[in-house]
C-alpha atoms as a PDB file:
ATOM      1  CA  THR A   1      15.749 -48.967 -36.616  1.00  0.00           C
ATOM      2  CA  ALA A   2      13.063 -48.754 -34.010  1.00  0.00           C
ATOM      3  CA  TYR A   3      14.782 -51.306 -31.758  1.00  0.00           C
ATOM      4  CA  GLU A   4      17.550 -50.150 -29.464  1.00  0.00           C
ATOM      5  CA  ASP A   5      18.342 -53.794 -28.603  1.00  0.00           C
ATOM      6  CA  TYR A   6      20.195 -54.051 -31.924  1.00  0.00           C
ATOM      7  CA  ALA A   7      22.578 -51.166 -31.189  1.00  0.00           C
ATOM      8  CA  VAL A   8      25.160 -53.354 -29.455  1.00  0.00           C
ATOM      9  CA  GLU A   9      25.103 -55.827 -32.348  1.00  0.00           C
ATOM     10  CA  ALA A  10      25.521 -53.007 -34.847  1.00  0.00           C
ATOM     11  CA  PHE A  11      28.701 -51.793 -33.177  1.00  0.00           C
ATOM     12  CA  LYS A  12      30.043 -55.335 -32.850  1.00  0.00           C
ATOM     13  CA  VAL A  13      30.096 -55.456 -36.645  1.00  0.00           C
ATOM     14  CA  ASP A  14      31.765 -52.016 -36.738  1.00  0.00           C
ATOM     15  CA  ALA A  15      28.788 -49.942 -37.830  1.00  0.00           C
ATOM     16  CA  ILE A  16      29.755 -46.357 -38.494  1.00  0.00           C
ATOM     17  CA  ASP A  17      26.692 -45.082 -36.634  1.00  0.00           C
ATOM     18  CA  TYR A  18      23.274 -46.169 -35.381  1.00  0.00           C
ATOM     19  CA  LEU A  19      20.033 -44.224 -35.705  1.00  0.00           C
ATOM     20  CA  LEU A  20      17.138 -45.035 -33.411  1.00  0.00           C
ATOM     21  CA  LYS A  21      13.642 -44.020 -34.528  1.00  0.00           C
ATOM     22  CA  PRO A  22      12.382 -41.424 -34.127  1.00  0.00           C
ATOM     23  CA  TYR A  23      15.497 -39.448 -34.979  1.00  0.00           C
ATOM     24  CA  GLY A  24      15.850 -35.791 -35.835  1.00  0.00           C
ATOM     25  CA  TYR A  25      17.609 -34.039 -38.657  1.00  0.00           C
ATOM     26  CA  GLN A  26      20.687 -33.285 -36.488  1.00  0.00           C
ATOM     27  CA  ASP A  27      21.100 -36.991 -35.661  1.00  0.00           C
ATOM     28  CA  PHE A  28      20.812 -37.889 -39.332  1.00  0.00           C
ATOM     29  CA  LEU A  29      23.276 -35.170 -40.309  1.00  0.00           C
ATOM     30  CA  LYS A  30      25.856 -36.382 -37.758  1.00  0.00           C
ATOM     31  CA  ALA A  31      25.553 -39.928 -39.129  1.00  0.00           C
ATOM     32  CA  ALA A  32      25.881 -38.677 -42.707  1.00  0.00           C
ATOM     33  CA  VAL A  33      29.012 -36.685 -41.807  1.00  0.00           C
ATOM     34  CA  LYS A  34      30.564 -39.814 -40.275  1.00  0.00           C
ATOM     35  CA  VAL A  35      29.829 -41.813 -43.416  1.00  0.00           C
ATOM     36  CA  ARG A  36      31.247 -39.080 -45.655  1.00  0.00           C
ATOM     37  CA  GLN A  37      34.438 -38.895 -43.550  1.00  0.00           C
ATOM     38  CA  TYR A  38      34.737 -42.672 -43.728  1.00  0.00           C
ATOM     39  CA  LEU A  39      34.366 -42.716 -47.507  1.00  0.00           C
ATOM     40  CA  GLU A  40      36.824 -39.842 -47.968  1.00  0.00           C
ATOM     41  CA  LEU A  41      39.451 -41.538 -45.833  1.00  0.00           C
ATOM     42  CA  LYS A  42      38.942 -44.834 -47.664  1.00  0.00           C
ATOM     43  CA  LYS A  43      39.296 -43.036 -51.000  1.00  0.00           C
ATOM     44  CA  ASN A  44      42.427 -41.156 -49.881  1.00  0.00           C
ATOM     45  CA  ALA A  45      43.999 -44.323 -48.493  1.00  0.00           C
ATOM     46  CA  GLY A  46      43.378 -46.196 -51.753  1.00  0.00           C
ATOM     47  CA  THR A  47      41.361 -49.355 -52.034  1.00  0.00           C
ATOM     48  CA  THR A  48      43.114 -51.166 -49.210  1.00  0.00           C
ATOM     49  CA  SER A  49      42.704 -50.465 -45.530  1.00  0.00           C
ATOM     50  CA  SER A  50      45.801 -52.363 -44.512  1.00  0.00           C
ATOM     51  CA  ALA A  51      49.487 -51.583 -44.901  1.00  0.00           C
ATOM     52  CA  GLU A  52      49.757 -53.207 -48.336  1.00  0.00           C
ATOM     53  CA  GLY A  53      49.833 -50.410 -50.857  1.00  0.00           C
ATOM     54  CA  TYR A  54      49.867 -47.738 -48.167  1.00  0.00           C
ATOM     55  CA  ASP A  55      52.400 -45.145 -49.258  1.00  0.00           C
ATOM     56  CA  SER A  56      51.708 -42.159 -47.041  1.00  0.00           C
ATOM     57  CA  ASN A  57      53.332 -41.260 -43.748  1.00  0.00           C
ATOM     58  CA  TYR A  58      50.534 -38.908 -42.694  1.00  0.00           C
ATOM     59  CA  ILE A  59      46.769 -38.459 -42.620  1.00  0.00           C
ATOM     60  CA  PHE A  60      44.551 -35.399 -42.348  1.00  0.00           C
ATOM     61  CA  VAL A  61      41.864 -35.131 -39.665  1.00  0.00           C
ATOM     62  CA  ARG A  62      39.349 -32.421 -38.859  1.00  0.00           C
ATOM     63  CA  ALA A  63      40.069 -30.691 -35.559  1.00  0.00           C
ATOM     64  CA  ASP A  64      39.234 -27.185 -34.369  1.00  0.00           C
ATOM     65  CA  ASN A  65      37.365 -26.424 -37.620  1.00  0.00           C
ATOM     66  CA  LYS A  66      40.388 -27.096 -39.829  1.00  0.00           C
ATOM     67  CA  SER A  67      42.129 -30.013 -41.526  1.00  0.00           C
ATOM     68  CA  VAL A  68      45.174 -30.977 -39.494  1.00  0.00           C
ATOM     69  CA  LYS A  69      48.060 -33.010 -40.907  1.00  0.00           C
ATOM     70  CA  VAL A  70      48.982 -35.840 -38.530  1.00  0.00           C
ATOM     71  CA  ARG A  71      52.289 -37.603 -39.065  1.00  0.00           C
ATOM     72  CA  LEU A  72      51.915 -41.330 -38.425  1.00  0.00           C
ATOM     73  CA  ASP A  73      55.356 -41.400 -36.776  1.00  0.00           C
ATOM     74  CA  ASP A  74      54.087 -38.957 -34.119  1.00  0.00           C
ATOM     75  CA  ILE A  75      51.041 -41.036 -33.062  1.00  0.00           C
ATOM     76  CA  PHE A  76      51.431 -42.938 -29.791  1.00  0.00           C
ATOM     77  CA  PHE A  77      47.899 -44.278 -29.336  1.00  0.00           C
ATOM     78  CA  ILE A  78      44.322 -43.385 -30.183  1.00  0.00           C
ATOM     79  CA  GLU A  79      41.417 -43.430 -27.762  1.00  0.00           C
ATOM     80  CA  ALA A  80      37.698 -43.619 -28.565  1.00  0.00           C
ATOM     81  CA  MET A  81      35.619 -41.077 -26.687  1.00  0.00           C
ATOM     82  CA  SER A  82      31.961 -41.505 -27.588  1.00  0.00           C
ATOM     83  CA  GLU A  83      31.592 -39.993 -31.090  1.00  0.00           C
ATOM     84  CA  TYR A  84      35.150 -38.635 -31.107  1.00  0.00           C
ATOM     85  CA  VAL A  85      38.645 -40.040 -31.125  1.00  0.00           C
ATOM     86  CA  LYS A  86      41.520 -38.539 -29.215  1.00  0.00           C
ATOM     87  CA  ILE A  87      44.893 -38.921 -30.887  1.00  0.00           C
ATOM     88  CA  HIS A  88      47.700 -39.029 -28.324  1.00  0.00           C
ATOM     89  CA  PHE A  89      51.122 -38.026 -29.615  1.00  0.00           C
ATOM     90  CA  LYS A  90      54.577 -39.105 -28.479  1.00  0.00           C
ATOM     91  CA  ASP A  91      55.331 -35.586 -27.232  1.00  0.00           C
ATOM     92  CA  GLY A  92      52.405 -35.785 -24.770  1.00  0.00           C
ATOM     93  CA  SER A  93      50.034 -33.550 -26.730  1.00  0.00           C
ATOM     94  CA  SER A  94      46.717 -34.694 -28.195  1.00  0.00           C
ATOM     95  CA  ILE A  95      43.913 -33.630 -30.522  1.00  0.00           C
ATOM     96  CA  MET A  96      40.253 -34.614 -30.757  1.00  0.00           C
ATOM     97  CA  THR A  97      38.398 -35.266 -33.970  1.00  0.00           C
ATOM     98  CA  PHE A  98      34.789 -36.175 -34.683  1.00  0.00           C
ATOM     99  CA  MET A  99      34.922 -39.690 -36.143  1.00  0.00           C
ATOM    100  CA  SER A 100      34.490 -43.299 -35.137  1.00  0.00           C
ATOM    101  CA  ILE A 101      37.370 -45.475 -34.031  1.00  0.00           C
ATOM    102  CA  LYS A 102      36.400 -47.852 -36.866  1.00  0.00           C
ATOM    103  CA  LEU A 103      36.993 -45.106 -39.401  1.00  0.00           C
ATOM    104  CA  MET A 104      40.326 -44.305 -37.792  1.00  0.00           C
ATOM    105  CA  VAL A 105      41.575 -47.903 -37.729  1.00  0.00           C
ATOM    106  CA  ASP A 106      40.533 -48.354 -41.368  1.00  0.00           C
ATOM    107  CA  SER A 107      42.596 -45.316 -42.374  1.00  0.00           C
ATOM    108  CA  LEU A 108      45.827 -46.425 -40.681  1.00  0.00           C
ATOM    109  CA  PRO A 109      48.368 -48.942 -42.022  1.00  0.00           C
ATOM    110  CA  ALA A 110      47.898 -52.321 -40.316  1.00  0.00           C
ATOM    111  CA  SER A 111      51.663 -52.892 -40.275  1.00  0.00           C
ATOM    112  CA  ARG A 112      52.082 -49.973 -37.856  1.00  0.00           C
ATOM    113  CA  PHE A 113      48.827 -49.726 -35.874  1.00  0.00           C
ATOM    114  CA  MET A 114      46.556 -52.246 -34.197  1.00  0.00           C
ATOM    115  CA  ARG A 115      43.254 -52.056 -32.428  1.00  0.00           C
ATOM    116  CA  VAL A 116      43.748 -53.681 -29.013  1.00  0.00           C
ATOM    117  CA  HIS A 117      40.429 -52.795 -27.401  1.00  0.00           C
ATOM    118  CA  ARG A 118      37.109 -51.376 -28.549  1.00  0.00           C
ATOM    119  CA  SER A 119      38.390 -48.023 -27.245  1.00  0.00           C
ATOM    120  CA  TYR A 120      42.080 -48.116 -28.214  1.00  0.00           C
ATOM    121  CA  ILE A 121      44.351 -48.266 -31.242  1.00  0.00           C
ATOM    122  CA  VAL A 122      48.065 -48.422 -30.516  1.00  0.00           C
ATOM    123  CA  ALA A 123      51.164 -47.645 -32.543  1.00  0.00           C
ATOM    124  CA  LEU A 124      52.898 -51.026 -32.509  1.00  0.00           C
ATOM    125  CA  GLU A 125      56.386 -49.559 -32.151  1.00  0.00           C
ATOM    126  CA  GLY A 126      55.303 -47.947 -28.863  1.00  0.00           C
ATOM    127  CA  ILE A 127      54.547 -51.248 -27.100  1.00  0.00           C
ATOM    128  CA  ASP A 128      57.070 -52.011 -24.380  1.00  0.00           C
ATOM    129  CA  ASN A 129      55.520 -55.208 -23.021  1.00  0.00           C
ATOM    130  CA  MET A 130      52.326 -57.217 -22.704  1.00  0.00           C
ATOM    131  CA  HIS A 131      51.170 -58.970 -19.569  1.00  0.00           C
ATOM    132  CA  ARG A 132      47.891 -60.870 -19.490  1.00  0.00           C
ATOM    133  CA  SER A 133      45.245 -58.417 -20.719  1.00  0.00           C
ATOM    134  CA  GLU A 134      47.299 -55.237 -20.622  1.00  0.00           C
ATOM    135  CA  ILE A 135      50.016 -53.617 -22.638  1.00  0.00           C
ATOM    136  CA  VAL A 136      52.537 -51.152 -21.326  1.00  0.00           C
ATOM    137  CA  LEU A 137      53.705 -48.454 -23.699  1.00  0.00           C
ATOM    138  CA  SER A 138      57.224 -47.087 -23.729  1.00  0.00           C
ATOM    139  CA  ASP A 139      56.215 -44.076 -21.596  1.00  0.00           C
ATOM    140  CA  GLY A 140      54.600 -46.305 -18.944  1.00  0.00           C
ATOM    141  CA  THR A 141      51.002 -45.832 -20.138  1.00  0.00           C
ATOM    142  CA  ILE A 142      48.964 -48.978 -19.444  1.00  0.00           C
ATOM    143  CA  LEU A 143      46.175 -49.875 -21.866  1.00  0.00           C
ATOM    144  CA  PRO A 144      43.721 -52.771 -21.634  1.00  0.00           C
ATOM    145  CA  VAL A 145      43.679 -55.496 -24.279  1.00  0.00           C
ATOM    146  CA  SER A 146      40.263 -57.035 -24.811  1.00  0.00           C
ATOM    147  CA  ALA A 147      39.804 -60.734 -25.470  1.00  0.00           C
ATOM    148  CA  SER A 148      38.561 -60.127 -29.009  1.00  0.00           C
ATOM    149  CA  TYR A 149      41.839 -58.398 -30.002  1.00  0.00           C
ATOM    150  CA  LYS A 150      44.294 -60.321 -27.824  1.00  0.00           C
ATOM    151  CA  GLU A 151      44.909 -63.139 -30.322  1.00  0.00           C
ATOM    152  CA  ASP A 152      45.935 -60.722 -33.098  1.00  0.00           C
ATOM    153  CA  LEU A 153      48.230 -58.817 -30.742  1.00  0.00           C
ATOM    154  CA  GLN A 154      49.774 -62.047 -29.449  1.00  0.00           C
ATOM    155  CA  HIS A 155      50.361 -63.176 -33.042  1.00  0.00           C
ATOM    156  CA  TYR A 156      52.128 -59.871 -33.787  1.00  0.00           C
ATOM    157  CA  ILE A 157      54.319 -60.269 -30.706  1.00  0.00           C
ATOM    158  CA  ASP A 158      55.059 -63.911 -31.540  1.00  0.00           C
ATOM    159  CA  THR A 159      56.144 -63.032 -35.079  1.00  0.00           C
ATOM    160  CA  HIS A 160      58.549 -60.438 -33.688  1.00  0.00           C
ATOM    161  CA  SER A 161      59.970 -62.614 -30.919  1.00  0.00           C
ATOM    162  CA  VAL A 162      63.441 -64.043 -30.870  1.00  0.00           C
ATOM    163  CA  ILE A 163      63.248 -67.688 -29.889  1.00  0.00           C
ATOM    164  CA  ARG A 164      66.488 -69.307 -28.846  1.00  0.00           C
ATOM    165  CA  LYS A 165      66.911 -72.811 -30.061  1.00  0.00           C
ATOM    166  CA  PRO A 166      69.161 -75.126 -28.058  1.00  0.00           C
ATOM    167  CA  ILE A 167      72.569 -75.803 -29.600  1.00  0.00           C
ATOM    168  CA  HIS A 168      73.367 -79.527 -29.993  1.00  0.00           C
END
């Protein structure tokens, strides 16, 4: 487009990328690479982007000019960093890969991972507690929860809560 005013709207609807005229070949190529990665991950994950039908316990991402196998059990949380995502692992290590957070969330099983902020995806088993608009992970890491994702996270917590009913 020729209008940068629409960029915010584009990302609100989870656009993979946004090209502002005039754009150069490198900008176009970066956008095309993002789309190709998105389509490859969608194809490899099957036709669903949620946990239903998801039968793999790992994904492959491009990092350091190679395809790296990432075990889902090892992921603690994922952080958006401009055009990259940083995958934080339970052992404290991390890797960076060139992709959008939208592409990443679409490639993970919804039963195990949830987007809690425009910049964060969290492994649900790593949540220790939630207070107002923050979650605390089991290692003490505090992540913000944005209003647009809070209802889904609260629903997840509610469905996993033990409610004591009074005995009559």
